[in-house]
Amino acid sequence: MVAERQGQTAARNMLGYREKYTAVPFFWSRHYDIRINYVGHAGKWDELEIDGCLLRFKRGGRTLAVASMSRDIKNLQAEVMMEADAAA
C-alpha cells in the first residue's frame, strides 16, 4: 500500500503536479499468531511512551511513530492523528 501511494504521487509529479509525498508510512506484519504493527517514522526520538504492547516514539512532545503487537485500531488512530498533524 505504501509503495502504491508513492507510485501515485510519482505519476502525478511526472504529469507536472509537483506534489509532495506526505502519506504516513506503515508496516504491518504477522508472525505466527502475533501481529506487529508500525506506523510513522522515528529516526530519532527523545521519549518512549510504553502502554502495554503499544510504544509511542516521541520527539518534542509530538508522536513520530507507534509500534504495537495486535493493536490494529490504536495504530490506525495514530495514523489518522499523524496525517492531521502533517496537514496542519
PDB file of N, CA and C in Angstrom:
ATOM      1  N   MET A   1       0.814  -1.189   0.000  1.00  0.00           N
ATOM      2  CA  MET A   1       0.000   0.000   0.000  1.00  0.00           C
ATOM      3  C   MET A   1       0.863   1.261   0.000  1.00  0.00           C
ATOM      4  N   VAL A   2       1.927   1.256   0.818  1.00  0.00           N
ATOM      5  CA  VAL A   2       2.811   2.420   0.868  1.00  0.00           C
ATOM      6  C   VAL A   2       3.442   2.654  -0.503  1.00  0.00           C
ATOM      7  N   ALA A   3       3.930   1.593  -1.135  1.00  0.00           N
ATOM      8  CA  ALA A   3       4.541   1.719  -2.459  1.00  0.00           C
ATOM      9  C   ALA A   3       3.517   2.206  -3.481  1.00  0.00           C
ATOM     10  N   GLU A   4       2.272   1.754  -3.367  1.00  0.00           N
ATOM     11  CA  GLU A   4       1.222   2.194  -4.284  1.00  0.00           C
ATOM     12  C   GLU A   4       0.979   3.696  -4.132  1.00  0.00           C
ATOM     13  N   ARG A   5       0.918   4.174  -2.903  1.00  0.00           N
ATOM     14  CA  ARG A   5       0.720   5.606  -2.659  1.00  0.00           C
ATOM     15  C   ARG A   5       1.890   6.423  -3.186  1.00  0.00           C
ATOM     16  N   GLN A   6       3.106   5.908  -2.988  1.00  0.00           N
ATOM     17  CA  GLN A   6       4.285   6.606  -3.507  1.00  0.00           C
ATOM     18  C   GLN A   6       4.243   6.654  -5.033  1.00  0.00           C
ATOM     19  N   GLY A   7       3.840   5.549  -5.646  1.00  0.00           N
ATOM     20  CA  GLY A   7       3.746   5.492  -7.105  1.00  0.00           C
ATOM     21  C   GLY A   7       2.723   6.466  -7.648  1.00  0.00           C
ATOM     22  N   GLN A   8       1.595   6.606  -6.969  1.00  0.00           N
ATOM     23  CA  GLN A   8       0.565   7.554  -7.403  1.00  0.00           C
ATOM     24  C   GLN A   8       1.094   8.987  -7.362  1.00  0.00           C
ATOM     25  N   THR A   9       1.812   9.312  -6.296  1.00  0.00           N
ATOM     26  CA  THR A   9       2.391  10.651  -6.186  1.00  0.00           C
ATOM     27  C   THR A   9       3.444  10.859  -7.270  1.00  0.00           C
ATOM     28  N   ALA A  10       4.271   9.847  -7.505  1.00  0.00           N
ATOM     29  CA  ALA A  10       5.298   9.952  -8.544  1.00  0.00           C
ATOM     30  C   ALA A  10       4.657  10.150  -9.922  1.00  0.00           C
ATOM     31  N   ALA A  11       3.599   9.421 -10.210  1.00  0.00           N
ATOM     32  CA  ALA A  11       2.924   9.551 -11.507  1.00  0.00           C
ATOM     33  C   ALA A  11       2.352  10.961 -11.678  1.00  0.00           C
ATOM     34  N   ARG A  12       1.720  11.487 -10.624  1.00  0.00           N
ATOM     35  CA  ARG A  12       1.176  12.850 -10.724  1.00  0.00           C
ATOM     36  C   ARG A  12       2.300  13.864 -10.932  1.00  0.00           C
ATOM     37  N   ASN A  13       3.430  13.640 -10.283  1.00  0.00           N
ATOM     38  CA  ASN A  13       4.549  14.563 -10.452  1.00  0.00           C
ATOM     39  C   ASN A  13       5.137  14.479 -11.856  1.00  0.00           C
ATOM     40  N   MET A  14       5.114  13.296 -12.456  1.00  0.00           N
ATOM     41  CA  MET A  14       5.568  13.173 -13.848  1.00  0.00           C
ATOM     42  C   MET A  14       4.662  13.958 -14.794  1.00  0.00           C
ATOM     43  N   LEU A  15       3.418  14.142 -14.371  1.00  0.00           N
ATOM     44  CA  LEU A  15       2.471  14.926 -15.166  1.00  0.00           C
ATOM     45  C   LEU A  15       2.542  16.415 -14.828  1.00  0.00           C
ATOM     46  N   GLY A  16       3.470  16.777 -13.935  1.00  0.00           N
ATOM     47  CA  GLY A  16       3.704  18.178 -13.636  1.00  0.00           C
ATOM     48  C   GLY A  16       2.980  18.748 -12.433  1.00  0.00           C
ATOM     49  N   TYR A  17       2.399  17.916 -11.596  1.00  0.00           N
ATOM     50  CA  TYR A  17       1.626  18.425 -10.460  1.00  0.00           C
ATOM     51  C   TYR A  17       2.470  18.949  -9.303  1.00  0.00           C
ATOM     52  N   ARG A  18       3.718  18.536  -9.175  1.00  0.00           N
ATOM     53  CA  ARG A  18       4.634  18.992  -8.126  1.00  0.00           C
ATOM     54  C   ARG A  18       4.078  18.750  -6.716  1.00  0.00           C
ATOM     55  N   GLU A  19       3.600  17.543  -6.451  1.00  0.00           N
ATOM     56  CA  GLU A  19       3.067  17.184  -5.138  1.00  0.00           C
ATOM     57  C   GLU A  19       4.171  16.607  -4.256  1.00  0.00           C
ATOM     58  N   LYS A  20       4.077  16.906  -2.979  1.00  0.00           N
ATOM     59  CA  LYS A  20       4.987  16.328  -2.001  1.00  0.00           C
ATOM     60  C   LYS A  20       4.335  15.063  -1.444  1.00  0.00           C
ATOM     61  N   TYR A  21       5.093  13.995  -1.293  1.00  0.00           N
ATOM     62  CA  TYR A  21       4.571  12.767  -0.708  1.00  0.00           C
ATOM     63  C   TYR A  21       4.466  12.965   0.793  1.00  0.00           C
ATOM     64  N   THR A  22       3.245  12.937   1.323  1.00  0.00           N
ATOM     65  CA  THR A  22       3.035  13.216   2.742  1.00  0.00           C
ATOM     66  C   THR A  22       2.338  12.086   3.490  1.00  0.00           C
ATOM     67  N   ALA A  23       1.997  11.000   2.800  1.00  0.00           N
ATOM     68  CA  ALA A  23       1.298   9.901   3.475  1.00  0.00           C
ATOM     69  C   ALA A  23       2.177   9.321   4.587  1.00  0.00           C
ATOM     70  N   VAL A  24       1.548   8.940   5.669  1.00  0.00           N
ATOM     71  CA  VAL A  24       2.269   8.370   6.810  1.00  0.00           C
ATOM     72  C   VAL A  24       2.658   6.930   6.466  1.00  0.00           C
ATOM     73  N   PRO A  25       3.955   6.591   6.542  1.00  0.00           N
ATOM     74  CA  PRO A  25       4.359   5.217   6.237  1.00  0.00           C
ATOM     75  C   PRO A  25       3.903   4.242   7.320  1.00  0.00           C
ATOM     76  N   PHE A  26       3.708   3.003   6.923  1.00  0.00           N
ATOM     77  CA  PHE A  26       3.319   1.986   7.900  1.00  0.00           C
ATOM     78  C   PHE A  26       3.812   0.622   7.463  1.00  0.00           C
ATOM     79  N   PHE A  27       3.909  -0.272   8.419  1.00  0.00           N
ATOM     80  CA  PHE A  27       4.338  -1.645   8.171  1.00  0.00           C
ATOM     81  C   PHE A  27       3.568  -2.542   9.127  1.00  0.00           C
ATOM     82  N   TRP A  28       2.865  -3.496   8.577  1.00  0.00           N
ATOM     83  CA  TRP A  28       2.151  -4.477   9.396  1.00  0.00           C
ATOM     84  C   TRP A  28       2.661  -5.848   8.996  1.00  0.00           C
ATOM     85  N   SER A  29       2.949  -6.660   9.964  1.00  0.00           N
ATOM     86  CA  SER A  29       3.470  -7.993   9.682  1.00  0.00           C
ATOM     87  C   SER A  29       2.815  -8.996  10.633  1.00  0.00           C
ATOM     88  N   ARG A  30       2.789 -10.225  10.222  1.00  0.00           N
ATOM     89  CA  ARG A  30       2.212 -11.267  11.066  1.00  0.00           C
ATOM     90  C   ARG A  30       3.245 -12.386  11.212  1.00  0.00           C
ATOM     91  N   HIS A  31       3.517 -12.730  12.443  1.00  0.00           N
ATOM     92  CA  HIS A  31       4.465 -13.795  12.755  1.00  0.00           C
ATOM     93  C   HIS A  31       3.738 -14.830  13.604  1.00  0.00           C
ATOM     94  N   TYR A  32       3.342 -15.882  12.946  1.00  0.00           N
ATOM     95  CA  TYR A  32       2.513 -16.910  13.575  1.00  0.00           C
ATOM     96  C   TYR A  32       1.239 -16.242  14.092  1.00  0.00           C
ATOM     97  N   ASP A  33       0.970 -16.241  15.361  1.00  0.00           N
ATOM     98  CA  ASP A  33      -0.262 -15.646  15.879  1.00  0.00           C
ATOM     99  C   ASP A  33      -0.080 -14.211  16.377  1.00  0.00           C
ATOM    100  N   ILE A  34       1.061 -13.609  16.128  1.00  0.00           N
ATOM    101  CA  ILE A  34       1.342 -12.261  16.626  1.00  0.00           C
ATOM    102  C   ILE A  34       1.420 -11.281  15.461  1.00  0.00           C
ATOM    103  N   ARG A  35       0.626 -10.200  15.564  1.00  0.00           N
ATOM    104  CA  ARG A  35       0.689  -9.127  14.569  1.00  0.00           C
ATOM    105  C   ARG A  35       1.592  -8.027  15.109  1.00  0.00           C
ATOM    106  N   ILE A  36       2.536  -7.584  14.299  1.00  0.00           N
ATOM    107  CA  ILE A  36       3.416  -6.484  14.653  1.00  0.00           C
ATOM    108  C   ILE A  36       3.093  -5.330  13.708  1.00  0.00           C
ATOM    109  N   ASN A  37       2.733  -4.188  14.293  1.00  0.00           N
ATOM    110  CA  ASN A  37       2.324  -3.022  13.507  1.00  0.00           C
ATOM    111  C   ASN A  37       3.248  -1.854  13.824  1.00  0.00           C
ATOM    112  N   TYR A  38       3.579  -1.083  12.794  1.00  0.00           N
ATOM    113  CA  TYR A  38       4.414   0.107  12.964  1.00  0.00           C
ATOM    114  C   TYR A  38       3.879   1.162  12.017  1.00  0.00           C
ATOM    115  N   VAL A  39       3.594   2.329  12.541  1.00  0.00           N
ATOM    116  CA  VAL A  39       3.099   3.424  11.714  1.00  0.00           C
ATOM    117  C   VAL A  39       3.904   4.675  12.043  1.00  0.00           C
ATOM    118  N   GLY A  40       4.223   5.445  11.015  1.00  0.00           N
ATOM    119  CA  GLY A  40       5.041   6.640  11.175  1.00  0.00           C
ATOM    120  C   GLY A  40       6.493   6.337  10.914  1.00  0.00           C
ATOM    121  N   HIS A  41       7.347   7.248  11.332  1.00  0.00           N
ATOM    122  CA  HIS A  41       8.791   7.033  11.197  1.00  0.00           C
ATOM    123  C   HIS A  41       9.494   7.817  12.304  1.00  0.00           C
ATOM    124  N   ALA A  42      10.309   7.133  13.054  1.00  0.00           N
ATOM    125  CA  ALA A  42      11.056   7.775  14.140  1.00  0.00           C
ATOM    126  C   ALA A  42      12.527   7.411  14.003  1.00  0.00           C
ATOM    127  N   GLY A  43      13.246   8.211  13.235  1.00  0.00           N
ATOM    128  CA  GLY A  43      14.687   8.010  13.123  1.00  0.00           C
ATOM    129  C   GLY A  43      15.387   8.361  14.425  1.00  0.00           C
ATOM    130  N   LYS A  44      14.891   9.403  15.099  1.00  0.00           N
ATOM    131  CA  LYS A  44      15.411   9.840  16.395  1.00  0.00           C
ATOM    132  C   LYS A  44      14.219  10.242  17.251  1.00  0.00           C
ATOM    133  N   TRP A  45      14.296   9.946  18.525  1.00  0.00           N
ATOM    134  CA  TRP A  45      13.236  10.349  19.452  1.00  0.00           C
ATOM    135  C   TRP A  45      13.871  10.651  20.794  1.00  0.00           C
ATOM    136  N   ASP A  46      13.138  11.435  21.606  1.00  0.00           N
ATOM    137  CA  ASP A  46      13.644  11.765  22.929  1.00  0.00           C
ATOM    138  C   ASP A  46      12.764  11.211  24.045  1.00  0.00           C
ATOM    139  N   GLU A  47      11.662  10.583  23.671  1.00  0.00           N
ATOM    140  CA  GLU A  47      10.769   9.993  24.670  1.00  0.00           C
ATOM    141  C   GLU A  47      10.140   8.729  24.092  1.00  0.00           C
ATOM    142  N   LEU A  48      10.087   7.700  24.892  1.00  0.00           N
ATOM    143  CA  LEU A  48       9.424   6.452  24.513  1.00  0.00           C
ATOM    144  C   LEU A  48       8.328   6.195  25.536  1.00  0.00           C
ATOM    145  N   GLU A  49       7.093   6.279  25.088  1.00  0.00           N
ATOM    146  CA  GLU A  49       5.944   6.059  25.963  1.00  0.00           C
ATOM    147  C   GLU A  49       5.477   4.616  25.781  1.00  0.00           C
ATOM    148  N   ILE A  50       5.436   3.860  26.861  1.00  0.00           N
ATOM    149  CA  ILE A  50       5.062   2.450  26.817  1.00  0.00           C
ATOM    150  C   ILE A  50       3.704   2.277  27.476  1.00  0.00           C
ATOM    151  N   ASP A  51       2.779   1.692  26.717  1.00  0.00           N
ATOM    152  CA  ASP A  51       1.427   1.432  27.209  1.00  0.00           C
ATOM    153  C   ASP A  51       1.091  -0.020  26.876  1.00  0.00           C
ATOM    154  N   GLY A  52       1.504  -0.935  27.745  1.00  0.00           N
ATOM    155  CA  GLY A  52       1.299  -2.365  27.479  1.00  0.00           C
ATOM    156  C   GLY A  52       2.086  -2.799  26.260  1.00  0.00           C
ATOM    157  N   CYS A  53       1.380  -3.271  25.244  1.00  0.00           N
ATOM    158  CA  CYS A  53       2.021  -3.725  23.996  1.00  0.00           C
ATOM    159  C   CYS A  53       2.037  -2.636  22.940  1.00  0.00           C
ATOM    160  N   LEU A  54       1.973  -1.372  23.361  1.00  0.00           N
ATOM    161  CA  LEU A  54       1.970  -0.242  22.445  1.00  0.00           C
ATOM    162  C   LEU A  54       3.103   0.704  22.833  1.00  0.00           C
ATOM    163  N   LEU A  55       3.922   1.082  21.865  1.00  0.00           N
ATOM    164  CA  LEU A  55       5.033   2.012  22.076  1.00  0.00           C
ATOM    165  C   LEU A  55       4.797   3.257  21.240  1.00  0.00           C
ATOM    166  N   ARG A  56       4.964   4.420  21.841  1.00  0.00           N
ATOM    167  CA  ARG A  56       4.877   5.689  21.112  1.00  0.00           C
ATOM    168  C   ARG A  56       6.259   6.339  21.153  1.00  0.00           C
ATOM    169  N   PHE A  57       6.815   6.583  19.974  1.00  0.00           N
ATOM    170  CA  PHE A  57       8.110   7.235  19.849  1.00  0.00           C
ATOM    171  C   PHE A  57       7.840   8.727  19.653  1.00  0.00           C
ATOM    172  N   LYS A  58       8.342   9.552  20.581  1.00  0.00           N
ATOM    173  CA  LYS A  58       8.033  10.980  20.558  1.00  0.00           C
ATOM    174  C   LYS A  58       9.297  11.827  20.509  1.00  0.00           C
ATOM    175  N   ARG A  59       9.126  13.013  19.947  1.00  0.00           N
ATOM    176  CA  ARG A  59      10.207  13.991  19.936  1.00  0.00           C
ATOM    177  C   ARG A  59       9.572  15.361  20.140  1.00  0.00           C
ATOM    178  N   GLY A  60      10.010  16.061  21.175  1.00  0.00           N
ATOM    179  CA  GLY A  60       9.443  17.361  21.477  1.00  0.00           C
ATOM    180  C   GLY A  60       7.955  17.286  21.784  1.00  0.00           C
ATOM    181  N   GLY A  61       7.503  16.178  22.371  1.00  0.00           N
ATOM    182  CA  GLY A  61       6.107  16.003  22.710  1.00  0.00           C
ATOM    183  C   GLY A  61       5.222  15.535  21.567  1.00  0.00           C
ATOM    184  N   ARG A  62       5.754  15.460  20.361  1.00  0.00           N
ATOM    185  CA  ARG A  62       4.999  15.058  19.166  1.00  0.00           C
ATOM    186  C   ARG A  62       5.235  13.577  18.887  1.00  0.00           C
ATOM    187  N   THR A  63       4.168  12.829  18.635  1.00  0.00           N
ATOM    188  CA  THR A  63       4.295  11.408  18.314  1.00  0.00           C
ATOM    189  C   THR A  63       4.790  11.260  16.888  1.00  0.00           C
ATOM    190  N   LEU A  64       5.929  10.586  16.717  1.00  0.00           N
ATOM    191  CA  LEU A  64       6.525  10.352  15.403  1.00  0.00           C
ATOM    192  C   LEU A  64       6.141   8.991  14.846  1.00  0.00           C
ATOM    193  N   ALA A  65       6.021   7.995  15.735  1.00  0.00           N
ATOM    194  CA  ALA A  65       5.725   6.631  15.294  1.00  0.00           C
ATOM    195  C   ALA A  65       5.081   5.866  16.444  1.00  0.00           C
ATOM    196  N   VAL A  66       4.334   4.844  16.063  1.00  0.00           N
ATOM    197  CA  VAL A  66       3.692   3.957  17.032  1.00  0.00           C
ATOM    198  C   VAL A  66       3.971   2.528  16.599  1.00  0.00           C
ATOM    199  N   ALA A  67       4.433   1.711  17.531  1.00  0.00           N
ATOM    200  CA  ALA A  67       4.653   0.288  17.276  1.00  0.00           C
ATOM    201  C   ALA A  67       3.808  -0.494  18.270  1.00  0.00           C
ATOM    202  N   SER A  68       3.231  -1.600  17.803  1.00  0.00           N
ATOM    203  CA  SER A  68       2.394  -2.381  18.708  1.00  0.00           C
ATOM    204  C   SER A  68       2.364  -3.840  18.296  1.00  0.00           C
ATOM    205  N   MET A  69       1.859  -4.618  19.205  1.00  0.00           N
ATOM    206  CA  MET A  69       1.572  -6.022  18.926  1.00  0.00           C
ATOM    207  C   MET A  69       0.063  -6.195  19.055  1.00  0.00           C
ATOM    208  N   SER A  70      -0.581  -6.509  17.932  1.00  0.00           N
ATOM    209  CA  SER A  70      -2.015  -6.803  17.888  1.00  0.00           C
ATOM    210  C   SER A  70      -2.886  -5.661  18.390  1.00  0.00           C
ATOM    211  N   ARG A  71      -2.537  -4.434  18.073  1.00  0.00           N
ATOM    212  CA  ARG A  71      -3.343  -3.266  18.447  1.00  0.00           C
ATOM    213  C   ARG A  71      -3.700  -2.482  17.184  1.00  0.00           C
ATOM    214  N   ASP A  72      -4.379  -3.138  16.247  1.00  0.00           N
ATOM    215  CA  ASP A  72      -4.681  -2.541  14.943  1.00  0.00           C
ATOM    216  C   ASP A  72      -5.404  -1.204  15.055  1.00  0.00           C
ATOM    217  N   ILE A  73      -6.444  -1.136  15.874  1.00  0.00           N
ATOM    218  CA  ILE A  73      -7.234   0.088  16.000  1.00  0.00           C
ATOM    219  C   ILE A  73      -6.371   1.238  16.510  1.00  0.00           C
ATOM    220  N   LYS A  74      -5.542   0.975  17.505  1.00  0.00           N
ATOM    221  CA  LYS A  74      -4.663   2.014  18.061  1.00  0.00           C
ATOM    222  C   LYS A  74      -3.686   2.525  16.991  1.00  0.00           C
ATOM    223  N   ASN A  75      -3.172   1.615  16.161  1.00  0.00           N
ATOM    224  CA  ASN A  75      -2.264   2.035  15.094  1.00  0.00           C
ATOM    225  C   ASN A  75      -2.991   2.870  14.049  1.00  0.00           C
ATOM    226  N   LEU A  76      -4.205   2.471  13.688  1.00  0.00           N
ATOM    227  CA  LEU A  76      -4.979   3.246  12.719  1.00  0.00           C
ATOM    228  C   LEU A  76      -5.313   4.631  13.272  1.00  0.00           C
ATOM    229  N   GLN A  77      -5.648   4.715  14.538  1.00  0.00           N
ATOM    230  CA  GLN A  77      -5.929   6.009  15.160  1.00  0.00           C
ATOM    231  C   GLN A  77      -4.676   6.887  15.147  1.00  0.00           C
ATOM    232  N   ALA A  78      -3.534   6.293  15.411  1.00  0.00           N
ATOM    233  CA  ALA A  78      -2.275   7.046  15.386  1.00  0.00           C
ATOM    234  C   ALA A  78      -1.981   7.558  13.983  1.00  0.00           C
ATOM    235  N   GLU A  79      -2.259   6.740  12.958  1.00  0.00           N
ATOM    236  CA  GLU A  79      -2.030   7.157  11.577  1.00  0.00           C
ATOM    237  C   GLU A  79      -2.896   8.368  11.234  1.00  0.00           C
ATOM    238  N   VAL A  80      -4.155   8.332  11.619  1.00  0.00           N
ATOM    239  CA  VAL A  80      -5.065   9.461  11.348  1.00  0.00           C
ATOM    240  C   VAL A  80      -4.555  10.715  12.049  1.00  0.00           C
ATOM    241  N   MET A  81      -4.111  10.570  13.309  1.00  0.00           N
ATOM    242  CA  MET A  81      -3.582  11.701  14.066  1.00  0.00           C
ATOM    243  C   MET A  81      -2.340  12.281  13.382  1.00  0.00           C
ATOM    244  N   MET A  82      -1.440  11.404  12.913  1.00  0.00           N
ATOM    245  CA  MET A  82      -0.216  11.869  12.263  1.00  0.00           C
ATOM    246  C   MET A  82      -0.519  12.561  10.939  1.00  0.00           C
ATOM    247  N   GLU A  83      -1.498  12.042  10.186  1.00  0.00           N
ATOM    248  CA  GLU A  83      -1.885  12.688   8.930  1.00  0.00           C
ATOM    249  C   GLU A  83      -2.457  14.078   9.191  1.00  0.00           C
ATOM    250  N   ALA A  84      -3.303  14.210  10.217  1.00  0.00           N
ATOM    251  CA  ALA A  84      -3.874  15.502  10.567  1.00  0.00           C
ATOM    252  C   ALA A  84      -2.785  16.468  11.016  1.00  0.00           C
ATOM    253  N   ASP A  85      -1.807  15.983  11.772  1.00  0.00           N
ATOM    254  CA  ASP A  85      -0.699  16.804  12.243  1.00  0.00           C
ATOM    255  C   ASP A  85       0.146  17.284  11.081  1.00  0.00           C
ATOM    256  N   ALA A  86       0.361  16.419  10.080  1.00  0.00           N
ATOM    257  CA  ALA A  86       1.169  16.794   8.912  1.00  0.00           C
ATOM    258  C   ALA A  86       0.443  17.821   8.043  1.00  0.00           C
ATOM    259  N   ALA A  87      -0.887  17.748   8.009  1.00  0.00           N
ATOM    260  CA  ALA A  87      -1.672  18.675   7.193  1.00  0.00           C
ATOM    261  C   ALA A  87      -1.772  20.056   7.828  1.00  0.00           C
ATOM    262  N   ALA A  88      -1.566  20.111   9.137  1.00  0.00           N
ATOM    263  CA  ALA A  88      -1.720  21.410   9.851  1.00  0.00           C
ATOM    264  C   ALA A  88      -0.546  22.331   9.630  1.00  0.00           C
TER     265      ALA A  88
END
